[in-house]
Protein backbone atom coordinates (compact mmCIF):
# COMPACT_ATOMS: atom_id res chain seq x y z
CA MET A 1 125.63 67.21 91.25
CA ALA A 2 123.52 68.08 88.13
CA ARG A 3 125.04 69.12 85.18
CA PHE A 4 125.14 71.91 83.74
CA TYR A 5 124.69 73.62 80.07
CA VAL A 6 124.89 77.26 79.26
CA ASN A 7 123.51 77.81 75.69
CA GLU A 8 123.72 73.96 75.17
CA ARG A 9 127.09 74.17 76.72
CA GLU A 10 128.16 71.93 79.49
CA ILE A 11 129.99 73.69 82.13
CA VAL A 12 132.28 73.17 84.77
CA PRO A 13 131.60 74.34 88.20
CA PRO A 14 133.68 76.24 89.54
CA PRO A 15 136.85 74.50 92.28
CA GLY A 16 135.66 74.67 95.76
CA ALA A 17 131.58 74.76 94.79
CA THR A 18 129.82 73.48 97.35
CA SER A 19 126.18 74.99 96.46
CA PHE A 20 124.33 75.77 93.65
CA GLU A 21 123.79 79.35 94.74
CA GLU A 22 127.69 79.75 94.29
CA ILE A 23 127.86 77.94 91.05
CA LEU A 24 124.69 80.67 89.75
CA ARG A 25 127.14 82.82 90.46
CA HIS A 26 129.84 81.22 88.45
CA VAL A 27 127.56 81.48 85.43
CA ASP A 28 126.59 85.05 85.73
CA LYS A 29 130.64 86.24 86.54
CA ALA A 30 132.21 84.40 84.47
CA GLN A 31 130.02 82.56 81.25
CA LEU A 32 127.44 85.09 79.78
CA PRO A 33 128.06 86.14 77.01
CA PRO A 34 128.79 90.27 76.40
CA ASN A 35 125.51 92.19 77.22
CA SER A 36 123.68 88.98 78.14
CA VAL A 37 121.83 88.42 81.03
CA VAL A 38 120.23 84.67 82.30
CA ARG A 39 117.33 84.10 80.06
CA ASN A 40 115.93 80.90 81.61
CA VAL A 41 116.61 78.55 83.59
CA ASN A 42 115.57 74.74 83.19
CA VAL A 43 115.83 71.46 85.45
CA ASP A 44 115.79 68.67 83.52
CA GLY A 45 113.53 70.43 81.25
CA ASN A 46 111.01 71.97 83.73
CA PRO A 47 111.48 75.73 83.83
CA ILE A 48 111.99 77.49 86.99
CA LEU A 49 109.44 80.54 87.23
CA GLU A 50 110.81 83.88 87.96
CA ASP A 51 107.88 84.42 90.25
CA ASN A 52 108.98 81.68 92.41
CA MET A 53 112.28 82.64 92.38
CA ASP A 54 111.39 85.92 93.66
CA LYS A 55 109.09 84.49 96.62
CA ASP A 56 111.51 82.07 97.65
CA PRO A 57 114.39 81.43 96.32
CA ALA A 58 115.85 79.58 99.20
CA ALA A 59 113.33 76.71 97.67
CA THR A 60 113.83 77.12 94.25
CA ILE A 61 117.39 76.45 94.81
CA ARG A 62 116.58 73.85 96.71
CA GLN A 63 114.58 72.55 93.67
CA MET A 64 117.41 73.26 91.78
CA GLU A 65 119.86 70.80 93.43
CA LYS A 66 117.89 67.80 93.48
CA GLY A 67 117.87 67.48 89.28
CA ASP A 68 119.91 65.99 86.95
CA LYS A 69 120.06 68.67 84.25
CA VAL A 70 120.29 72.02 84.95
CA GLU A 71 119.90 74.28 81.23
CA ILE A 72 120.63 77.94 82.12
CA VAL A 73 119.96 79.83 78.71
CA THR A 74 121.28 83.65 78.31
CA GLY A 75 120.10 86.04 75.85
CA THR A 76 120.82 89.65 75.54
CA VAL A 77 118.29 92.74 76.57
CA GLU A 78 117.55 93.29 73.19
CA GLU A 79 116.62 90.11 72.25
CA ILE A 80 114.42 90.01 74.96
CA VAL A 81 112.82 93.14 75.27
CA SER A 82 111.65 92.39 70.94
CA ASP A 83 110.60 88.62 72.05
CA SER A 84 108.88 90.08 74.85
CA LEU A 85 106.65 92.92 73.01
CA ARG A 86 105.97 89.82 70.25
CA GLU A 87 104.60 88.11 72.56
CA ALA A 88 102.53 91.34 74.03
CA PHE A 89 101.12 91.63 70.96
CA ALA A 90 100.07 88.70 69.32
CA TYR A 91 98.74 87.75 73.18
CA LEU A 92 96.85 91.06 72.63
CA GLU A 93 95.09 89.78 69.59
CA ARG A 94 94.02 86.65 70.60
CA ALA A 95 92.10 88.43 73.52
CA GLY A 96 90.34 91.18 71.15
CA GLU A 97 89.04 88.15 69.37
CA GLY A 98 87.92 85.66 72.66
CA ILE A 99 86.72 88.16 74.94
CA PRO A 100 83.60 89.10 72.70
CA ALA A 101 82.65 85.48 72.16
CA LEU A 102 83.63 84.91 76.44
CA ALA A 103 81.02 87.53 77.06
CA ARG A 104 78.77 84.97 75.46
CA ARG A 105 79.17 82.35 77.36
CA PHE A 106 78.61 84.11 80.83
CA GLN A 107 74.88 85.49 79.48
CA ALA A 108 73.73 81.80 80.15
CA ASP A 109 75.13 79.00 83.10
CA PRO A 110 79.01 78.86 82.03
CA GLY A 111 80.84 75.64 82.65
CA PRO A 112 83.98 74.67 83.76
CA GLU A 113 85.98 75.46 80.69
CA SER A 114 84.60 79.46 80.65
CA PHE A 115 86.15 79.59 83.67
CA ARG A 116 89.35 77.84 82.30
CA ALA A 117 89.26 80.64 79.83
CA LEU A 118 88.33 82.99 82.40
CA VAL A 119 91.51 82.28 84.88
CA GLN A 120 93.80 82.24 81.63
CA LEU A 121 92.44 85.54 80.86
CA TYR A 122 94.13 86.94 84.39
CA GLU A 123 97.06 85.23 84.37
CA GLY A 124 97.82 86.96 80.99
CA PHE A 125 96.36 90.08 82.25
CA TYR A 126 98.73 89.62 85.21
CA TRP A 127 102.39 89.06 82.41
CA LEU A 128 100.83 92.36 80.59
CA ASN A 129 100.77 94.39 83.68
CA LEU A 130 104.21 93.15 84.78
CA LEU A 131 105.73 93.48 81.64
CA LEU A 132 104.38 97.04 81.16
CA SER A 133 105.67 97.77 84.74
CA ARG A 134 109.40 96.81 84.20
CA LEU A 135 109.54 98.14 80.45
CA ALA A 136 108.65 101.26 82.11
CA GLU A 137 110.82 101.50 84.55
CA ASN A 138 114.01 99.62 82.62
CA TYR A 139 113.81 102.65 80.38
CA GLU A 140 112.71 105.36 82.47
CA ILE A 141 109.16 106.17 81.49
CA VAL A 142 107.12 107.62 83.18
CA LEU A 143 103.22 106.34 82.63
CA ASP A 144 101.44 109.69 83.69
CA ASP A 145 103.39 111.42 81.07
CA LEU A 146 102.33 108.32 78.20
CA PRO A 147 98.77 110.13 76.72
CA VAL A 148 96.74 107.37 75.64
CA GLN A 149 94.04 108.22 74.20
CA GLY A 150 93.68 111.21 75.43
CA ALA A 151 94.96 109.82 79.22
CA PRO A 152 97.62 109.14 80.93
CA ALA A 153 98.92 105.58 79.97
CA ALA A 154 98.88 105.20 83.93
CA GLU A 155 95.48 106.34 84.57
CA HIS A 156 94.69 103.65 81.94
CA ASN A 157 96.48 100.90 83.93
CA ARG A 158 94.38 101.72 87.31
CA ARG A 159 91.24 101.54 85.53
CA PHE A 160 91.84 97.94 84.34
CA LEU A 161 92.94 96.91 87.96
CA SER A 162 89.80 98.38 89.36
CA VAL A 163 88.20 96.11 86.75
CA LEU A 164 89.46 93.19 87.13
CA LYS A 165 89.01 94.01 90.53
CA GLN A 166 85.09 93.99 89.97
CA LEU A 167 85.77 90.90 87.84
CA LEU A 168 86.84 88.60 90.63
CA ASP A 169 84.43 90.20 93.17
CA SER A 170 81.79 89.21 90.75
CA GLN A 171 82.85 85.48 90.58
CA GLU A 172 83.15 85.01 94.16
CA LYS A 173 79.69 86.04 94.52
CA GLY A 174 78.81 84.11 91.26
CA ASP A 175 77.03 87.19 89.49
CA TRP A 176 77.96 85.49 85.85
CA VAL A 177 76.13 88.72 84.07
CA LEU A 178 78.20 91.40 86.35
CA ILE A 179 81.28 88.79 84.48
CA SER A 180 79.86 89.48 80.97
CA ASP A 181 78.72 93.10 80.97
CA LEU A 182 82.82 93.82 82.31
CA LEU A 183 84.51 91.57 79.90
CA GLU A 184 82.06 92.89 76.62
CA TYR A 185 81.98 97.21 77.97
CA GLU A 186 85.29 97.20 79.96
CA ILE A 187 87.66 94.63 79.09
CA ALA A 188 87.59 94.75 75.15
CA PRO A 189 87.62 98.22 74.63
CA MET A 190 90.77 98.10 76.54
CA VAL A 191 92.64 95.80 74.09
CA PRO A 192 93.49 98.19 72.13
CA VAL A 193 94.52 101.00 74.67
CA TRP A 194 96.69 97.74 75.47
CA LYS A 195 98.15 97.17 72.33
CA GLU A 196 98.69 101.73 71.69
CA MET A 197 100.98 101.20 75.45
CA PHE A 198 103.43 99.06 74.34
CA GLN A 199 103.45 100.13 70.78
CA MET A 200 104.05 103.59 72.83
CA ILE A 201 107.08 101.86 74.75
CA ALA A 202 107.88 99.50 71.47
CA ASP A 203 108.76 102.79 69.75
CA LYS A 204 110.60 105.39 73.30
CA ALA A 205 112.26 101.60 74.27
CA PRO A 206 116.38 101.96 72.00
CA ALA A 207 116.59 97.96 73.02
CA ALA A 208 112.53 97.45 71.07
CA ARG A 209 113.80 99.10 67.64
């Protein structure tokens, strides 16, 4: 069986534990520092993605059981929220700088690098949308009641998801000009809106102060 570490300290699995799931429950109950949650789990140096755990927990557990070293890293809720917001603002800064250049690439005949950048943009904004939803849920923030630049945050978010769907449809149809227009005239102007949304949530979230 794998060796287990919590915050770089090796722990001994409880007597009689016969499955990885039992060990994780033991860690959750007996090994976590006060006011802490599991931040990430690495198996032989490779992170176990939360999406995979949510979609197929049994398969993820099997993957863990095959490893030699399982590292469990914890953090306080305050640390996780602050770090997530810092990452969100940093990502939005990079996106704001990169979207205009990506739009120009799609005005001509885009190459593989342009499509990789577009996929990364999808993934980044998917993560932002997920983070926004979780923060709003955890801190009981009603996005329909949060005014951002003259409209509720929820309305901005719905608009963004609609534009993102248009982007995906345009890519499937090979309409590079429309992709360029959507990036330049729809997605780019939403970056400052996202920044303001996250700033307002940061101001309302006690853990982020």
